[in-house]
Amino acid sequence: MLTDINPKLPMRNKTVTKEYYLNKLGFQELGSADFDGYLMVQKDNIQIHFFEFKELDPKENYGQVYIRTDDIEGLYQSLLDNGTRIHANGHLQIKPWGQKEFSLLDPDSNLLTFGQGG
């Protein structure tokens, strides 16, 4: 039986990634151990893990995660209030498939799309 999934995304700089997810997106660092080249963050019921990839070219990074939420308007507004940059083509809207979504890029160009069913 499958019970959970924790995506692993590339990061160039652990300090930059940690600052972005904790201070811009409201995640918390997971665990007390500080693993070299690895970061785990959590918000509510989801975790995202990161592995160090110093040579990553953000222009060639296709890392993507789709995160479901039950309060997309509240989440979107809290990110705007925090000064978090929303993807230029990813502002909050209802998509043709009926999902209400928005997207942003993290410092390494991992695409985070947040969605709520219609």
N, C-alpha and C. Protein backbone atom coordinates (compact mmCIF):
# COMPACT_ATOMS: atom_id res chain seq x y z
N MET A 1 0.84 -1.18 0.00
CA MET A 1 0.00 0.00 0.00
C MET A 1 0.88 1.25 0.00
N LEU A 2 0.65 2.14 -0.94
CA LEU A 2 1.37 3.40 -1.00
C LEU A 2 0.70 4.39 -0.06
N THR A 3 1.51 5.16 0.66
CA THR A 3 0.92 6.07 1.65
C THR A 3 1.33 7.53 1.49
N ASP A 4 2.41 7.81 0.78
CA ASP A 4 2.90 9.18 0.71
C ASP A 4 3.91 9.27 -0.42
N ILE A 5 4.20 10.51 -0.84
CA ILE A 5 5.26 10.73 -1.82
C ILE A 5 5.99 12.01 -1.44
N ASN A 6 7.31 11.98 -1.54
CA ASN A 6 8.13 13.13 -1.22
C ASN A 6 9.06 13.40 -2.40
N PRO A 7 8.70 14.38 -3.24
CA PRO A 7 9.55 14.66 -4.39
C PRO A 7 10.94 15.11 -3.98
N LYS A 8 11.92 14.77 -4.80
CA LYS A 8 13.31 15.20 -4.60
C LYS A 8 13.69 16.07 -5.78
N LEU A 9 14.05 17.32 -5.50
CA LEU A 9 14.38 18.29 -6.53
C LEU A 9 15.83 18.74 -6.39
N PRO A 10 16.44 19.15 -7.49
CA PRO A 10 17.82 19.63 -7.42
C PRO A 10 17.92 21.04 -6.86
N MET A 11 19.03 21.31 -6.19
CA MET A 11 19.32 22.66 -5.69
C MET A 11 20.82 22.92 -5.89
N ARG A 12 21.15 24.16 -6.21
CA ARG A 12 22.56 24.53 -6.36
C ARG A 12 23.17 24.94 -5.03
N ASN A 13 22.39 25.61 -4.20
CA ASN A 13 22.92 26.18 -2.97
C ASN A 13 21.91 25.95 -1.85
N LYS A 14 22.29 25.15 -0.88
CA LYS A 14 21.38 24.78 0.20
C LYS A 14 20.89 25.99 0.98
N THR A 15 21.77 26.94 1.25
CA THR A 15 21.39 28.14 2.02
C THR A 15 20.32 28.94 1.29
N VAL A 16 20.50 29.13 -0.02
CA VAL A 16 19.55 29.90 -0.82
C VAL A 16 18.21 29.18 -0.89
N THR A 17 18.23 27.88 -1.13
CA THR A 17 17.00 27.09 -1.21
C THR A 17 16.26 27.10 0.12
N LYS A 18 17.00 26.89 1.19
CA LYS A 18 16.40 26.88 2.52
C LYS A 18 15.75 28.23 2.84
N GLU A 19 16.43 29.31 2.56
CA GLU A 19 15.90 30.65 2.82
C GLU A 19 14.61 30.89 2.03
N TYR A 20 14.60 30.48 0.77
CA TYR A 20 13.43 30.69 -0.07
C TYR A 20 12.21 29.91 0.47
N TYR A 21 12.39 28.62 0.71
CA TYR A 21 11.26 27.80 1.14
C TYR A 21 10.79 28.16 2.55
N LEU A 22 11.69 28.50 3.45
CA LEU A 22 11.28 28.86 4.80
C LEU A 22 10.72 30.28 4.86
N ASN A 23 11.39 31.24 4.27
CA ASN A 23 11.00 32.64 4.42
C ASN A 23 9.99 33.12 3.39
N LYS A 24 10.00 32.58 2.20
CA LYS A 24 9.06 33.02 1.16
C LYS A 24 7.81 32.15 1.08
N LEU A 25 7.97 30.84 1.28
CA LEU A 25 6.84 29.94 1.10
C LEU A 25 6.26 29.41 2.41
N GLY A 26 6.90 29.70 3.53
CA GLY A 26 6.36 29.31 4.83
C GLY A 26 6.56 27.86 5.21
N PHE A 27 7.52 27.18 4.61
CA PHE A 27 7.86 25.82 5.00
C PHE A 27 8.71 25.85 6.27
N GLN A 28 8.86 24.69 6.88
CA GLN A 28 9.77 24.53 8.02
C GLN A 28 10.78 23.46 7.65
N GLU A 29 11.99 23.60 8.21
CA GLU A 29 12.99 22.56 7.97
C GLU A 29 12.56 21.31 8.72
N LEU A 30 12.75 20.17 8.09
CA LEU A 30 12.34 18.89 8.65
C LEU A 30 13.55 18.17 9.22
N GLY A 31 13.43 17.69 10.42
CA GLY A 31 14.51 16.94 11.04
C GLY A 31 15.53 17.84 11.72
N SER A 32 16.27 17.26 12.62
CA SER A 32 17.27 18.04 13.36
C SER A 32 18.68 17.86 12.80
N ALA A 33 18.88 16.83 12.00
CA ALA A 33 20.22 16.59 11.43
C ALA A 33 20.43 17.48 10.22
N ASP A 34 21.61 18.05 10.10
CA ASP A 34 21.95 18.89 8.96
C ASP A 34 22.84 18.08 8.02
N PHE A 35 22.22 17.44 7.04
CA PHE A 35 22.97 16.59 6.12
C PHE A 35 23.65 17.44 5.06
N ASP A 36 24.90 17.17 4.81
CA ASP A 36 25.65 17.89 3.79
C ASP A 36 25.05 17.61 2.42
N GLY A 37 24.65 18.67 1.72
CA GLY A 37 24.13 18.51 0.36
C GLY A 37 22.72 17.99 0.27
N TYR A 38 21.97 18.00 1.36
CA TYR A 38 20.59 17.49 1.34
C TYR A 38 19.74 18.36 2.26
N LEU A 39 18.51 18.64 1.82
CA LEU A 39 17.60 19.48 2.59
C LEU A 39 16.20 18.88 2.52
N MET A 40 15.50 18.88 3.66
CA MET A 40 14.12 18.42 3.71
C MET A 40 13.29 19.54 4.33
N VAL A 41 12.18 19.89 3.66
CA VAL A 41 11.28 20.91 4.19
C VAL A 41 9.86 20.36 4.22
N GLN A 42 9.04 20.93 5.10
CA GLN A 42 7.67 20.47 5.24
C GLN A 42 6.75 21.65 5.49
N LYS A 43 5.55 21.56 4.94
CA LYS A 43 4.48 22.51 5.22
C LYS A 43 3.18 21.73 5.24
N ASP A 44 2.44 21.87 6.32
CA ASP A 44 1.22 21.11 6.51
C ASP A 44 1.53 19.62 6.32
N ASN A 45 0.91 18.97 5.35
CA ASN A 45 1.10 17.52 5.18
C ASN A 45 2.04 17.14 4.05
N ILE A 46 2.76 18.09 3.50
CA ILE A 46 3.65 17.72 2.39
C ILE A 46 5.12 17.98 2.75
N GLN A 47 5.97 17.18 2.15
CA GLN A 47 7.42 17.34 2.27
C GLN A 47 8.01 17.47 0.88
N ILE A 48 9.05 18.27 0.77
CA ILE A 48 9.86 18.32 -0.45
C ILE A 48 11.30 18.14 -0.01
N HIS A 49 12.02 17.26 -0.68
CA HIS A 49 13.43 17.02 -0.40
C HIS A 49 14.26 17.60 -1.54
N PHE A 50 15.46 18.02 -1.22
CA PHE A 50 16.37 18.61 -2.21
C PHE A 50 17.73 17.94 -2.11
N PHE A 51 18.35 17.71 -3.25
CA PHE A 51 19.70 17.19 -3.30
C PHE A 51 20.59 18.22 -3.98
N GLU A 52 21.82 18.32 -3.51
CA GLU A 52 22.75 19.31 -4.06
C GLU A 52 23.20 18.90 -5.46
N PHE A 53 23.11 19.86 -6.37
CA PHE A 53 23.56 19.69 -7.75
C PHE A 53 24.17 21.04 -8.15
N LYS A 54 25.40 21.26 -7.73
CA LYS A 54 26.05 22.57 -7.90
C LYS A 54 26.17 22.99 -9.36
N GLU A 55 26.29 22.02 -10.28
CA GLU A 55 26.48 22.33 -11.70
C GLU A 55 25.16 22.54 -12.43
N LEU A 56 24.05 22.50 -11.72
CA LEU A 56 22.74 22.66 -12.35
C LEU A 56 22.64 23.99 -13.08
N ASP A 57 22.19 23.94 -14.32
CA ASP A 57 21.88 25.16 -15.09
C ASP A 57 20.38 25.37 -14.97
N PRO A 58 19.95 26.42 -14.25
CA PRO A 58 18.50 26.63 -14.06
C PRO A 58 17.73 26.72 -15.37
N LYS A 59 18.38 27.16 -16.44
CA LYS A 59 17.69 27.26 -17.73
C LYS A 59 17.42 25.89 -18.32
N GLU A 60 18.08 24.86 -17.80
CA GLU A 60 17.89 23.50 -18.30
C GLU A 60 17.25 22.59 -17.25
N ASN A 61 16.70 23.18 -16.20
CA ASN A 61 16.07 22.39 -15.15
C ASN A 61 14.58 22.24 -15.43
N TYR A 62 14.13 21.01 -15.47
CA TYR A 62 12.72 20.74 -15.73
C TYR A 62 12.02 20.12 -14.52
N GLY A 63 12.60 20.31 -13.31
CA GLY A 63 11.98 19.81 -12.09
C GLY A 63 10.62 20.47 -11.89
N GLN A 64 9.62 19.66 -11.59
CA GLN A 64 8.26 20.17 -11.41
C GLN A 64 7.55 19.38 -10.32
N VAL A 65 6.72 20.09 -9.55
CA VAL A 65 5.89 19.46 -8.54
C VAL A 65 4.50 20.09 -8.60
N TYR A 66 3.47 19.27 -8.54
CA TYR A 66 2.09 19.76 -8.47
C TYR A 66 1.60 19.53 -7.05
N ILE A 67 1.18 20.60 -6.38
CA ILE A 67 0.78 20.53 -4.98
C ILE A 67 -0.69 20.93 -4.88
N ARG A 68 -1.50 20.04 -4.35
CA ARG A 68 -2.93 20.34 -4.16
C ARG A 68 -3.14 21.05 -2.83
N THR A 69 -4.10 21.96 -2.83
CA THR A 69 -4.45 22.71 -1.62
C THR A 69 -5.97 22.83 -1.53
N ASP A 70 -6.47 23.06 -0.32
CA ASP A 70 -7.90 23.28 -0.16
C ASP A 70 -8.23 24.74 0.10
N ASP A 71 -7.22 25.63 -0.01
CA ASP A 71 -7.44 27.07 0.16
C ASP A 71 -6.50 27.84 -0.77
N ILE A 72 -6.73 27.68 -2.07
CA ILE A 72 -5.80 28.27 -3.03
C ILE A 72 -5.80 29.79 -2.98
N GLU A 73 -6.95 30.41 -2.77
CA GLU A 73 -6.98 31.88 -2.71
C GLU A 73 -6.20 32.40 -1.51
N GLY A 74 -6.38 31.76 -0.36
CA GLY A 74 -5.65 32.18 0.84
C GLY A 74 -4.16 31.99 0.69
N LEU A 75 -3.75 30.86 0.11
CA LEU A 75 -2.32 30.60 -0.11
C LEU A 75 -1.74 31.61 -1.09
N TYR A 76 -2.44 31.85 -2.17
CA TYR A 76 -1.97 32.80 -3.19
C TYR A 76 -1.81 34.19 -2.58
N GLN A 77 -2.80 34.64 -1.83
CA GLN A 77 -2.73 35.97 -1.22
C GLN A 77 -1.60 36.05 -0.20
N SER A 78 -1.39 35.00 0.59
CA SER A 78 -0.31 35.03 1.58
C SER A 78 1.06 35.13 0.90
N LEU A 79 1.21 34.46 -0.24
CA LEU A 79 2.48 34.55 -0.98
C LEU A 79 2.66 35.95 -1.56
N LEU A 80 1.59 36.53 -2.11
CA LEU A 80 1.68 37.90 -2.62
C LEU A 80 2.03 38.87 -1.49
N ASP A 81 1.39 38.71 -0.34
CA ASP A 81 1.65 39.58 0.81
C ASP A 81 3.09 39.46 1.29
N ASN A 82 3.68 38.30 1.09
CA ASN A 82 5.06 38.04 1.51
C ASN A 82 6.08 38.48 0.46
N GLY A 83 5.60 39.00 -0.67
CA GLY A 83 6.51 39.44 -1.73
C GLY A 83 7.06 38.31 -2.57
N THR A 84 6.44 37.14 -2.53
CA THR A 84 6.89 36.01 -3.33
C THR A 84 6.50 36.25 -4.79
N ARG A 85 7.48 36.05 -5.66
CA ARG A 85 7.25 36.29 -7.08
C ARG A 85 6.50 35.11 -7.71
N ILE A 86 5.37 35.41 -8.32
CA ILE A 86 4.58 34.40 -9.02
C ILE A 86 5.08 34.33 -10.46
N HIS A 87 5.08 33.14 -11.05
CA HIS A 87 5.53 32.96 -12.42
C HIS A 87 4.73 33.89 -13.34
N ALA A 88 5.41 34.52 -14.30
CA ALA A 88 4.77 35.49 -15.20
C ALA A 88 3.56 34.90 -15.91
N ASN A 89 3.61 33.62 -16.25
CA ASN A 89 2.48 32.96 -16.92
C ASN A 89 1.67 32.11 -15.95
N GLY A 90 1.87 32.31 -14.66
CA GLY A 90 1.25 31.40 -13.70
C GLY A 90 0.39 32.04 -12.65
N HIS A 91 -0.19 33.21 -12.93
CA HIS A 91 -1.05 33.84 -11.94
C HIS A 91 -2.32 33.03 -11.72
N LEU A 92 -2.96 33.21 -10.61
CA LEU A 92 -4.13 32.44 -10.22
C LEU A 92 -5.23 32.55 -11.27
N GLN A 93 -5.66 31.39 -11.76
CA GLN A 93 -6.73 31.36 -12.75
C GLN A 93 -7.35 29.97 -12.81
N ILE A 94 -8.55 29.91 -13.36
CA ILE A 94 -9.19 28.62 -13.58
C ILE A 94 -8.74 28.12 -14.95
N LYS A 95 -8.17 26.95 -14.97
CA LYS A 95 -7.65 26.35 -16.21
C LYS A 95 -8.79 25.68 -16.99
N PRO A 96 -8.59 25.43 -18.28
CA PRO A 96 -9.64 24.79 -19.08
C PRO A 96 -10.09 23.43 -18.52
N TRP A 97 -9.23 22.76 -17.76
CA TRP A 97 -9.58 21.46 -17.20
C TRP A 97 -10.29 21.59 -15.85
N GLY A 98 -10.62 22.84 -15.44
CA GLY A 98 -11.45 23.07 -14.26
C GLY A 98 -10.70 23.28 -12.95
N GLN A 99 -9.39 23.12 -12.96
CA GLN A 99 -8.60 23.35 -11.76
C GLN A 99 -8.28 24.84 -11.63
N LYS A 100 -8.32 25.34 -10.40
CA LYS A 100 -7.85 26.70 -10.12
C LYS A 100 -6.38 26.55 -9.73
N GLU A 101 -5.47 27.24 -10.45
CA GLU A 101 -4.04 27.01 -10.27
C GLU A 101 -3.25 28.31 -10.32
N PHE A 102 -2.04 28.24 -9.73
CA PHE A 102 -1.00 29.24 -9.94
C PHE A 102 0.35 28.55 -9.83
N SER A 103 1.39 29.20 -10.36
CA SER A 103 2.71 28.60 -10.39
C SER A 103 3.79 29.60 -10.01
N LEU A 104 4.90 29.06 -9.54
CA LEU A 104 6.08 29.89 -9.28
C LEU A 104 7.32 29.05 -9.53
N LEU A 105 8.44 29.74 -9.69
CA LEU A 105 9.73 29.09 -9.87
C LEU A 105 10.58 29.35 -8.64
N ASP A 106 11.23 28.31 -8.13
CA ASP A 106 12.14 28.50 -7.00
C ASP A 106 13.49 28.99 -7.53
N PRO A 107 14.47 29.24 -6.66
CA PRO A 107 15.75 29.80 -7.12
C PRO A 107 16.50 28.95 -8.15
N ASP A 108 16.14 27.67 -8.27
CA ASP A 108 16.81 26.79 -9.23
C ASP A 108 15.92 26.45 -10.41
N SER A 109 14.82 27.19 -10.57
CA SER A 109 13.84 27.01 -11.65
C SER A 109 13.07 25.71 -11.56
N ASN A 110 12.92 25.16 -10.34
CA ASN A 110 11.96 24.08 -10.14
C ASN A 110 10.58 24.73 -10.18
N LEU A 111 9.68 24.19 -10.99
CA LEU A 111 8.35 24.74 -11.14
C LEU A 111 7.43 24.14 -10.08
N LEU A 112 6.83 25.01 -9.25
CA LEU A 112 5.85 24.58 -8.26
C LEU A 112 4.49 25.07 -8.73
N THR A 113 3.57 24.15 -8.99
CA THR A 113 2.22 24.51 -9.37
C THR A 113 1.30 24.10 -8.23
N PHE A 114 0.47 25.05 -7.80
CA PHE A 114 -0.49 24.81 -6.73
C PHE A 114 -1.87 24.76 -7.37
N GLY A 115 -2.68 23.78 -6.97
CA GLY A 115 -4.00 23.63 -7.58
C GLY A 115 -5.07 23.22 -6.61
N GLN A 116 -6.29 23.63 -6.95
CA GLN A 116 -7.47 23.24 -6.18
C GLN A 116 -8.57 22.90 -7.17
N GLY A 117 -9.22 21.76 -6.93
CA GLY A 117 -10.28 21.30 -7.82
C GLY A 117 -11.46 22.24 -7.88
N GLY A 118 -12.12 22.23 -9.02
CA GLY A 118 -13.25 23.12 -9.23
C GLY A 118 -14.56 22.57 -8.78
